[in-house]
Amino acid sequence: MAHDLDDGLRSGIITPNLLTGVELWEILIREIGAQDQILEEKFRHQLIRNLIGMEINNIIQTTEKNLTTHSIHSREDLQQLSFNIVTVDEDLRRRNRQLKDFLFTNLYHHYRLVRMSLKAERILTDLFKAYQSSPSILPGHIQLWVSESGLERAICDYIAGMTDRFAVEEYQKLFNPLVLP
């Protein structure tokens, strides 16, 4: 969530004005006192670091409180519980939900991200189908995996190990006639 917020701010899809009224944002802005400079790298980095720190500290404090409240002294005591001891408190859970809802509406469904997602899906699907229909275009070391794990598994493992840039370059090599293999 913190990294998504950072990515959204860095990309300009999310602006500080859009975040007005989001409680976690308001708390973080008060903590660092940099309302006008928030999009500068230094302050954005500090804001995200503070958000992560807030989450970690809250988990530690809430977990310690839960261990004491429920008299947990051993692993066996812990295993008897029907709920999680490691959690955030109710206030942070509510604030996290508000930020997640904001990100869902303003970032994850933003047309630029939806377009990128569709492109990525197309690239990965087309690469998979090309390798599946013509396994000889796979690199030699990947072809060795085929005999061990099967064609589809080897292709999945190969694609899963690709960086975004490499996948796009591979796609271009296979499907763009102007790019040499």
Protein backbone atom coordinates (compact mmCIF):
# COMPACT_ATOMS: atom_id res chain seq x y z
CA MET A 1 0.00 0.00 0.00
CA ALA A 2 2.79 2.44 0.91
CA HIS A 3 4.67 1.69 -2.30
CA ASP A 4 1.50 2.03 -4.35
CA LEU A 5 0.92 5.44 -2.79
CA ASP A 6 4.52 6.38 -3.61
CA ASP A 7 4.16 5.15 -7.19
CA GLY A 8 0.89 7.04 -7.59
CA LEU A 9 2.42 10.28 -6.30
CA ARG A 10 5.58 9.88 -8.38
CA SER A 11 3.58 9.22 -11.54
CA GLY A 12 1.31 12.21 -10.97
CA ILE A 13 -1.80 10.03 -11.11
CA ILE A 14 -2.33 10.86 -7.43
CA THR A 15 -1.88 14.42 -6.25
CA PRO A 16 -1.80 15.74 -2.69
CA ASN A 17 -5.09 17.57 -3.30
CA LEU A 18 -6.80 14.28 -4.15
CA LEU A 19 -5.67 12.89 -0.79
CA THR A 20 -7.30 15.65 1.26
CA GLY A 21 -9.54 14.00 3.81
CA VAL A 22 -7.72 10.64 3.79
CA GLU A 23 -6.85 10.29 7.49
CA LEU A 24 -3.50 8.52 7.13
CA TRP A 25 -2.38 11.13 4.63
CA GLU A 26 -3.42 13.96 6.95
CA ILE A 27 -1.54 12.38 9.88
CA LEU A 28 1.60 11.87 7.81
CA ILE A 29 1.53 15.41 6.44
CA ARG A 30 1.27 16.79 9.98
CA GLU A 31 4.19 14.58 11.07
CA ILE A 32 6.59 15.78 8.40
CA GLY A 33 5.21 19.31 8.13
CA ALA A 34 5.82 19.63 4.41
CA GLN A 35 2.46 20.23 2.81
CA ASP A 36 3.78 22.40 -0.04
CA GLN A 37 6.87 20.30 -0.74
CA ILE A 38 5.31 16.85 -0.57
CA LEU A 39 5.98 15.93 -4.19
CA GLU A 40 9.69 16.60 -3.82
CA GLU A 41 11.63 13.34 -3.66
CA LYS A 42 13.00 13.94 -0.15
CA PHE A 43 9.62 14.62 1.42
CA ARG A 44 7.80 11.90 -0.48
CA HIS A 45 10.45 9.42 0.65
CA GLN A 46 10.09 10.61 4.25
CA LEU A 47 6.30 10.35 4.06
CA ILE A 48 6.43 6.75 2.78
CA ARG A 49 9.09 5.82 5.35
CA ASN A 50 6.87 7.26 8.11
CA LEU A 51 3.85 5.36 6.82
CA ILE A 52 5.76 2.07 6.86
CA GLY A 53 7.17 2.89 10.30
CA MET A 54 3.68 3.68 11.60
CA GLU A 55 2.39 0.33 10.33
CA ILE A 56 5.28 -1.63 11.84
CA ASN A 57 5.13 0.11 15.21
CA ASN A 58 1.38 -0.40 15.40
CA ILE A 59 1.69 -4.11 14.63
CA ILE A 60 4.37 -4.52 17.32
CA GLN A 61 2.41 -2.59 19.95
CA THR A 62 -0.92 -4.25 19.16
CA THR A 63 0.65 -7.71 19.10
CA GLU A 64 2.34 -7.12 22.47
CA LYS A 65 -0.98 -5.94 23.90
CA ASN A 66 -2.79 -8.99 22.47
CA LEU A 67 -0.18 -11.37 23.91
CA THR A 68 -0.67 -9.85 27.36
CA THR A 69 -4.46 -9.58 27.15
CA HIS A 70 -4.85 -13.22 26.11
CA SER A 71 -2.15 -14.52 28.49
CA ILE A 72 -0.03 -16.03 25.77
CA HIS A 73 3.14 -17.53 27.25
CA SER A 74 3.92 -20.38 24.88
CA ARG A 75 3.50 -21.61 21.35
CA GLU A 76 0.81 -23.97 22.61
CA ASP A 77 -1.17 -21.07 24.08
CA LEU A 78 -0.96 -19.33 20.74
CA GLN A 79 -2.09 -22.39 18.79
CA GLN A 80 -5.24 -22.66 20.91
CA LEU A 81 -6.56 -19.31 19.69
CA SER A 82 -9.09 -19.10 16.87
CA PHE A 83 -7.95 -15.60 15.81
CA ASN A 84 -4.75 -13.81 14.87
CA ILE A 85 -2.68 -12.20 17.58
CA VAL A 86 -0.44 -10.34 15.13
CA THR A 87 -2.54 -7.46 13.83
CA VAL A 88 -2.97 -3.70 13.80
CA ASP A 89 -5.35 -1.88 16.09
CA GLU A 90 -8.86 -0.98 15.02
CA ASP A 91 -8.07 2.70 14.31
CA LEU A 92 -5.23 1.83 11.94
CA ARG A 93 -7.31 -0.92 10.34
CA ARG A 94 -10.04 1.66 9.59
CA ARG A 95 -7.52 4.20 8.28
CA ASN A 96 -5.84 1.55 6.13
CA ARG A 97 -9.22 0.60 4.68
CA GLN A 98 -9.87 4.23 3.81
CA LEU A 99 -6.47 4.54 2.06
CA LYS A 100 -6.98 1.23 0.25
CA ASP A 101 -10.40 2.34 -0.95
CA PHE A 102 -8.86 5.61 -2.14
CA LEU A 103 -6.08 3.78 -4.02
CA PHE A 104 -8.57 1.36 -5.52
CA THR A 105 -10.69 4.20 -6.88
CA ASN A 106 -7.99 6.69 -7.85
CA LEU A 107 -5.01 4.54 -8.81
CA TYR A 108 -5.78 0.90 -9.55
CA HIS A 109 -8.71 1.79 -11.82
CA HIS A 110 -7.03 4.77 -13.45
CA TYR A 111 -7.18 4.43 -17.22
CA ARG A 112 -3.38 4.52 -17.58
CA LEU A 113 -2.94 1.57 -15.22
CA VAL A 114 -5.78 -0.37 -16.82
CA ARG A 115 -4.16 0.13 -20.22
CA MET A 116 -0.77 -0.98 -18.91
CA SER A 117 -2.36 -4.05 -17.36
CA LEU A 118 -4.04 -4.97 -20.63
CA LYS A 119 -0.74 -4.57 -22.50
CA ALA A 120 1.10 -6.72 -19.96
CA GLU A 121 -1.56 -9.43 -20.18
CA ARG A 122 -1.34 -9.41 -23.96
CA ILE A 123 2.45 -9.61 -23.98
CA LEU A 124 2.56 -12.49 -21.51
CA THR A 125 -0.25 -14.41 -23.22
CA ASP A 126 1.28 -13.99 -26.67
CA LEU A 127 4.74 -15.02 -25.44
CA PHE A 128 3.30 -18.12 -23.79
CA LYS A 129 1.36 -19.12 -26.91
CA ALA A 130 4.36 -18.53 -29.18
CA TYR A 131 6.66 -20.65 -27.01
CA GLN A 132 4.02 -23.34 -26.68
CA SER A 133 3.36 -23.58 -30.42
CA SER A 134 7.07 -23.39 -31.34
CA PRO A 135 9.19 -24.67 -28.43
CA SER A 136 12.30 -24.48 -30.62
CA ILE A 137 12.30 -20.66 -30.20
CA LEU A 138 12.97 -21.08 -26.48
CA PRO A 139 16.60 -20.65 -25.40
CA GLY A 140 18.54 -23.91 -25.11
CA HIS A 141 18.72 -23.95 -21.31
CA ILE A 142 14.94 -23.55 -21.12
CA GLN A 143 14.45 -26.40 -23.58
CA LEU A 144 16.36 -28.60 -21.11
CA TRP A 145 13.77 -27.78 -18.44
CA VAL A 146 11.03 -29.08 -20.74
CA SER A 147 12.16 -32.69 -20.32
CA GLU A 148 12.27 -32.26 -16.53
CA SER A 149 9.10 -30.32 -15.85
CA GLY A 150 7.01 -30.32 -19.02
CA LEU A 151 6.60 -27.67 -21.70
CA GLU A 152 3.97 -25.48 -20.03
CA ARG A 153 5.76 -25.46 -16.65
CA ALA A 154 9.10 -24.60 -18.30
CA ILE A 155 7.46 -21.75 -20.24
CA CYS A 156 5.76 -20.42 -17.11
CA ASP A 157 9.04 -20.52 -15.17
CA TYR A 158 10.87 -18.80 -18.01
CA ILE A 159 8.29 -16.02 -18.32
CA ALA A 160 8.08 -15.61 -14.53
CA GLY A 161 11.82 -14.95 -14.45
CA MET A 162 11.65 -12.19 -17.06
CA THR A 163 11.94 -8.54 -16.15
CA ASP A 164 9.33 -6.24 -17.65
CA ARG A 165 11.89 -4.81 -20.04
CA PHE A 166 13.09 -8.23 -21.18
CA ALA A 167 9.52 -9.45 -21.77
CA VAL A 168 8.77 -6.40 -23.93
CA GLU A 169 12.02 -6.86 -25.87
CA GLU A 170 11.27 -10.55 -26.39
CA TYR A 171 7.77 -9.68 -27.56
CA GLN A 172 9.20 -7.18 -30.04
CA LYS A 173 11.70 -9.74 -31.35
CA LEU A 174 8.96 -12.30 -31.89
CA PHE A 175 6.14 -10.15 -33.21
CA ASN A 176 7.56 -6.94 -34.68
CA PRO A 177 8.96 -7.60 -38.17
CA LEU A 178 11.12 -4.48 -37.94
CA VAL A 179 13.03 -5.80 -34.91
CA LEU A 180 15.77 -8.36 -35.53
CA PRO A 181 15.69 -11.51 -33.39
